Amino acid sequence: MIDYIRCGTLGGTLFSVILQISTKDLVQTVLLAAVGAIASFCVSFILNYLIDRFHEN
């Protein structure tokens, strides 16, 4: 019985949250995630290059 209540509560909460998210917010989130991933990759690449360069000397 309690599992049905938990599943119903969780399903209702998720469904209401999904309906609150607009397309604009979703696109903004995807773009910010992409920018963050690109920035993280660039910083990691530059740091690896600098570390390799300083370890050679």
PDB file of N, CA and C in Angstrom:
ATOM      1  N   MET A   1       0.826  -1.201   0.000  1.00  0.00           N
ATOM      2  CA  MET A   1       0.000   0.000   0.000  1.00  0.00           C
ATOM      3  C   MET A   1       0.859   1.249   0.000  1.00  0.00           C
ATOM      4  N   ILE A   2       1.884   1.261   0.834  1.00  0.00           N
ATOM      5  CA  ILE A   2       2.742   2.444   0.925  1.00  0.00           C
ATOM      6  C   ILE A   2       3.509   2.649  -0.372  1.00  0.00           C
ATOM      7  N   ASP A   3       3.900   1.554  -1.066  1.00  0.00           N
ATOM      8  CA  ASP A   3       4.612   1.693  -2.335  1.00  0.00           C
ATOM      9  C   ASP A   3       3.754   2.398  -3.374  1.00  0.00           C
ATOM     10  N   TYR A   4       2.451   2.104  -3.384  1.00  0.00           N
ATOM     11  CA  TYR A   4       1.555   2.777  -4.314  1.00  0.00           C
ATOM     12  C   TYR A   4       1.469   4.269  -4.008  1.00  0.00           C
ATOM     13  N   ILE A   5       1.462   4.609  -2.742  1.00  0.00           N
ATOM     14  CA  ILE A   5       1.403   6.017  -2.349  1.00  0.00           C
ATOM     15  C   ILE A   5       2.687   6.730  -2.761  1.00  0.00           C
ATOM     16  N   ARG A   6       3.833   6.083  -2.514  1.00  0.00           N
ATOM     17  CA  ARG A   6       5.117   6.689  -2.906  1.00  0.00           C
ATOM     18  C   ARG A   6       5.204   6.862  -4.416  1.00  0.00           C
ATOM     19  N   CYS A   7       4.833   5.818  -5.158  1.00  0.00           N
ATOM     20  CA  CYS A   7       4.892   5.899  -6.615  1.00  0.00           C
ATOM     21  C   CYS A   7       3.941   6.973  -7.138  1.00  0.00           C
ATOM     22  N   GLY A   8       2.758   7.052  -6.576  1.00  0.00           N
ATOM     23  CA  GLY A   8       1.796   8.065  -7.004  1.00  0.00           C
ATOM     24  C   GLY A   8       2.274   9.473  -6.697  1.00  0.00           C
ATOM     25  N   THR A   9       2.837   9.646  -5.514  1.00  0.00           N
ATOM     26  CA  THR A   9       3.353  10.962  -5.126  1.00  0.00           C
ATOM     27  C   THR A   9       4.523  11.364  -6.006  1.00  0.00           C
ATOM     28  N   LEU A  10       5.461  10.438  -6.217  1.00  0.00           N
ATOM     29  CA  LEU A  10       6.621  10.726  -7.051  1.00  0.00           C
ATOM     30  C   LEU A  10       6.212  11.010  -8.489  1.00  0.00           C
ATOM     31  N   GLY A  11       5.308  10.189  -9.029  1.00  0.00           N
ATOM     32  CA  GLY A  11       4.834  10.394 -10.399  1.00  0.00           C
ATOM     33  C   GLY A  11       4.125  11.724 -10.561  1.00  0.00           C
ATOM     34  N   GLY A  12       3.280  12.069  -9.616  1.00  0.00           N
ATOM     35  CA  GLY A  12       2.575  13.350  -9.685  1.00  0.00           C
ATOM     36  C   GLY A  12       3.511  14.534  -9.574  1.00  0.00           C
ATOM     37  N   THR A  13       4.503  14.414  -8.696  1.00  0.00           N
ATOM     38  CA  THR A  13       5.477  15.498  -8.539  1.00  0.00           C
ATOM     39  C   THR A  13       6.300  15.681  -9.813  1.00  0.00           C
ATOM     40  N   LEU A  14       6.817  14.574 -10.356  1.00  0.00           N
ATOM     41  CA  LEU A  14       7.610  14.663 -11.586  1.00  0.00           C
ATOM     42  C   LEU A  14       6.782  15.201 -12.747  1.00  0.00           C
ATOM     43  N   PHE A  15       5.546  14.740 -12.858  1.00  0.00           N
ATOM     44  CA  PHE A  15       4.683  15.200 -13.946  1.00  0.00           C
ATOM     45  C   PHE A  15       4.400  16.690 -13.833  1.00  0.00           C
ATOM     46  N   SER A  16       4.159  17.180 -12.627  1.00  0.00           N
ATOM     47  CA  SER A  16       3.881  18.607 -12.467  1.00  0.00           C
ATOM     48  C   SER A  16       5.133  19.446 -12.719  1.00  0.00           C
ATOM     49  N   VAL A  17       6.305  18.932 -12.349  1.00  0.00           N
ATOM     50  CA  VAL A  17       7.552  19.664 -12.607  1.00  0.00           C
ATOM     51  C   VAL A  17       7.831  19.706 -14.106  1.00  0.00           C
ATOM     52  N   ILE A  18       7.622  18.585 -14.796  1.00  0.00           N
ATOM     53  CA  ILE A  18       7.870  18.538 -16.237  1.00  0.00           C
ATOM     54  C   ILE A  18       6.970  19.522 -16.969  1.00  0.00           C
ATOM     55  N   LEU A  19       5.729  19.657 -16.523  1.00  0.00           N
ATOM     56  CA  LEU A  19       4.809  20.583 -17.174  1.00  0.00           C
ATOM     57  C   LEU A  19       5.194  22.041 -16.925  1.00  0.00           C
ATOM     58  N   GLN A  20       5.938  22.317 -15.867  1.00  0.00           N
ATOM     59  CA  GLN A  20       6.343  23.688 -15.550  1.00  0.00           C
ATOM     60  C   GLN A  20       7.539  24.154 -16.373  1.00  0.00           C
ATOM     61  N   ILE A  21       8.300  23.214 -16.931  1.00  0.00           N
ATOM     62  CA  ILE A  21       9.506  23.564 -17.689  1.00  0.00           C
ATOM     63  C   ILE A  21       9.103  23.970 -19.096  1.00  0.00           C
ATOM     64  N   SER A  22       9.492  25.170 -19.484  1.00  0.00           N
ATOM     65  CA  SER A  22       9.154  25.639 -20.824  1.00  0.00           C
ATOM     66  C   SER A  22      10.267  25.258 -21.806  1.00  0.00           C
ATOM     67  N   THR A  23       9.954  25.357 -23.075  1.00  0.00           N
ATOM     68  CA  THR A  23      10.934  25.037 -24.115  1.00  0.00           C
ATOM     69  C   THR A  23      12.114  25.993 -24.040  1.00  0.00           C
ATOM     70  N   LYS A  24      11.851  27.243 -23.735  1.00  0.00           N
ATOM     71  CA  LYS A  24      12.915  28.238 -23.627  1.00  0.00           C
ATOM     72  C   LYS A  24      13.896  27.848 -22.522  1.00  0.00           C
ATOM     73  N   ASP A  25      13.381  27.434 -21.370  1.00  0.00           N
ATOM     74  CA  ASP A  25      14.241  27.018 -20.265  1.00  0.00           C
ATOM     75  C   ASP A  25      15.040  25.778 -20.624  1.00  0.00           C
ATOM     76  N   LEU A  26      14.409  24.845 -21.325  1.00  0.00           N
ATOM     77  CA  LEU A  26      15.094  23.628 -21.727  1.00  0.00           C
ATOM     78  C   LEU A  26      16.230  23.926 -22.702  1.00  0.00           C
ATOM     79  N   VAL A  27      15.979  24.788 -23.686  1.00  0.00           N
ATOM     80  CA  VAL A  27      17.023  25.166 -24.647  1.00  0.00           C
ATOM     81  C   VAL A  27      18.150  25.900 -23.944  1.00  0.00           C
ATOM     82  N   GLN A  28      17.820  26.793 -23.027  1.00  0.00           N
ATOM     83  CA  GLN A  28      18.841  27.527 -22.283  1.00  0.00           C
ATOM     84  C   GLN A  28      19.696  26.570 -21.460  1.00  0.00           C
ATOM     85  N   THR A  29      19.083  25.587 -20.841  1.00  0.00           N
ATOM     86  CA  THR A  29      19.817  24.617 -20.039  1.00  0.00           C
ATOM     87  C   THR A  29      20.757  23.794 -20.907  1.00  0.00           C
ATOM     88  N   VAL A  30      20.277  23.361 -22.058  1.00  0.00           N
ATOM     89  CA  VAL A  30      21.114  22.572 -22.971  1.00  0.00           C
ATOM     90  C   VAL A  30      22.291  23.404 -23.470  1.00  0.00           C
ATOM     91  N   LEU A  31      22.041  24.651 -23.833  1.00  0.00           N
ATOM     92  CA  LEU A  31      23.133  25.506 -24.325  1.00  0.00           C
ATOM     93  C   LEU A  31      24.162  25.793 -23.229  1.00  0.00           C
ATOM     94  N   LEU A  32      23.701  26.065 -22.017  1.00  0.00           N
ATOM     95  CA  LEU A  32      24.639  26.314 -20.925  1.00  0.00           C
ATOM     96  C   LEU A  32      25.447  25.067 -20.583  1.00  0.00           C
ATOM     97  N   ALA A  33      24.821  23.911 -20.666  1.00  0.00           N
ATOM     98  CA  ALA A  33      25.545  22.660 -20.424  1.00  0.00           C
ATOM     99  C   ALA A  33      26.604  22.444 -21.500  1.00  0.00           C
ATOM    100  N   ALA A  34      26.280  22.753 -22.748  1.00  0.00           N
ATOM    101  CA  ALA A  34      27.242  22.608 -23.840  1.00  0.00           C
ATOM    102  C   ALA A  34      28.412  23.577 -23.666  1.00  0.00           C
ATOM    103  N   VAL A  35      28.118  24.818 -23.306  1.00  0.00           N
ATOM    104  CA  VAL A  35      29.175  25.799 -23.075  1.00  0.00           C
ATOM    105  C   VAL A  35      30.059  25.360 -21.918  1.00  0.00           C
ATOM    106  N   GLY A  36      29.468  24.850 -20.860  1.00  0.00           N
ATOM    107  CA  GLY A  36      30.238  24.364 -19.722  1.00  0.00           C
ATOM    108  C   GLY A  36      31.119  23.188 -20.091  1.00  0.00           C
ATOM    109  N   ALA A  37      30.600  22.269 -20.895  1.00  0.00           N
ATOM    110  CA  ALA A  37      31.388  21.115 -21.321  1.00  0.00           C
ATOM    111  C   ALA A  37      32.550  21.538 -22.206  1.00  0.00           C
ATOM    112  N   ILE A  38      32.319  22.476 -23.105  1.00  0.00           N
ATOM    113  CA  ILE A  38      33.381  22.962 -23.980  1.00  0.00           C
ATOM    114  C   ILE A  38      34.442  23.695 -23.168  1.00  0.00           C
ATOM    115  N   ALA A  39      34.021  24.516 -22.230  1.00  0.00           N
ATOM    116  CA  ALA A  39      34.976  25.235 -21.385  1.00  0.00           C
ATOM    117  C   ALA A  39      35.794  24.257 -20.545  1.00  0.00           C
ATOM    118  N   SER A  40      35.162  23.254 -20.002  1.00  0.00           N
ATOM    119  CA  SER A  40      35.866  22.247 -19.203  1.00  0.00           C
ATOM    120  C   SER A  40      36.876  21.493 -20.053  1.00  0.00           C
ATOM    121  N   PHE A  41      36.485  21.125 -21.260  1.00  0.00           N
ATOM    122  CA  PHE A  41      37.398  20.423 -22.157  1.00  0.00           C
ATOM    123  C   PHE A  41      38.595  21.297 -22.503  1.00  0.00           C
ATOM    124  N   CYS A  42      38.358  22.563 -22.822  1.00  0.00           N
ATOM    125  CA  CYS A  42      39.455  23.471 -23.190  1.00  0.00           C
ATOM    126  C   CYS A  42      40.421  23.670 -22.026  1.00  0.00           C
ATOM    127  N   VAL A  43      39.902  23.868 -20.834  1.00  0.00           N
ATOM    128  CA  VAL A  43      40.755  24.059 -19.666  1.00  0.00           C
ATOM    129  C   VAL A  43      41.571  22.793 -19.398  1.00  0.00           C
ATOM    130  N   SER A  44      40.946  21.635 -19.494  1.00  0.00           N
ATOM    131  CA  SER A  44      41.668  20.378 -19.288  1.00  0.00           C
ATOM    132  C   SER A  44      42.751  20.192 -20.340  1.00  0.00           C
ATOM    133  N   PHE A  45      42.439  20.506 -21.576  1.00  0.00           N
ATOM    134  CA  PHE A  45      43.411  20.370 -22.664  1.00  0.00           C
ATOM    135  C   PHE A  45      44.604  21.296 -22.449  1.00  0.00           C
ATOM    136  N   ILE A  46      44.341  22.541 -22.100  1.00  0.00           N
ATOM    137  CA  ILE A  46      45.419  23.511 -21.874  1.00  0.00           C
ATOM    138  C   ILE A  46      46.268  23.109 -20.671  1.00  0.00           C
ATOM    139  N   LEU A  47      45.625  22.681 -19.595  1.00  0.00           N
ATOM    140  CA  LEU A  47      46.383  22.261 -18.410  1.00  0.00           C
ATOM    141  C   LEU A  47      47.241  21.034 -18.701  1.00  0.00           C
ATOM    142  N   ASN A  48      46.708  20.065 -19.440  1.00  0.00           N
ATOM    143  CA  ASN A  48      47.513  18.901 -19.807  1.00  0.00           C
ATOM    144  C   ASN A  48      48.697  19.298 -20.667  1.00  0.00           C
ATOM    145  N   TYR A  49      48.489  20.228 -21.588  1.00  0.00           N
ATOM    146  CA  TYR A  49      49.576  20.709 -22.432  1.00  0.00           C
ATOM    147  C   TYR A  49      50.655  21.388 -21.590  1.00  0.00           C
ATOM    148  N   LEU A  50      50.228  22.250 -20.670  1.00  0.00           N
ATOM    149  CA  LEU A  50      51.193  22.951 -19.826  1.00  0.00           C
ATOM    150  C   LEU A  50      51.937  21.994 -18.897  1.00  0.00           C
ATOM    151  N   ILE A  51      51.251  21.043 -18.331  1.00  0.00           N
ATOM    152  CA  ILE A  51      51.897  20.073 -17.443  1.00  0.00           C
ATOM    153  C   ILE A  51      52.913  19.235 -18.215  1.00  0.00           C
ATOM    154  N   ASP A  52      52.514  18.763 -19.403  1.00  0.00           N
ATOM    155  CA  ASP A  52      53.451  17.988 -20.223  1.00  0.00           C
ATOM    156  C   ASP A  52      54.659  18.826 -20.624  1.00  0.00           C
ATOM    157  N   ARG A  53      54.433  20.071 -20.923  1.00  0.00           N
ATOM    158  CA  ARG A  53      55.539  20.944 -21.351  1.00  0.00           C
ATOM    159  C   ARG A  53      56.509  21.203 -20.201  1.00  0.00           C
ATOM    160  N   PHE A  54      55.994  21.409 -18.992  1.00  0.00           N
ATOM    161  CA  PHE A  54      56.874  21.675 -17.851  1.00  0.00           C
ATOM    162  C   PHE A  54      57.575  20.415 -17.347  1.00  0.00           C
ATOM    163  N   HIS A  55      56.970  19.253 -17.558  1.00  0.00           N
ATOM    164  CA  HIS A  55      57.621  18.008 -17.140  1.00  0.00           C
ATOM    165  C   HIS A  55      58.771  17.619 -18.066  1.00  0.00           C
ATOM    166  N   GLU A  56      58.765  18.120 -19.293  1.00  0.00           N
ATOM    167  CA  GLU A  56      59.865  17.843 -20.232  1.00  0.00           C
ATOM    168  C   GLU A  56      61.136  18.559 -19.806  1.00  0.00           C
ATOM    169  N   ASN A  57      60.995  19.702 -19.166  1.00  0.00           N
ATOM    170  CA  ASN A  57      62.177  20.504 -18.788  1.00  0.00           C
ATOM    171  C   ASN A  57      62.802  20.033 -17.519  1.00  0.00           C
TER     172      ASN A  57
END
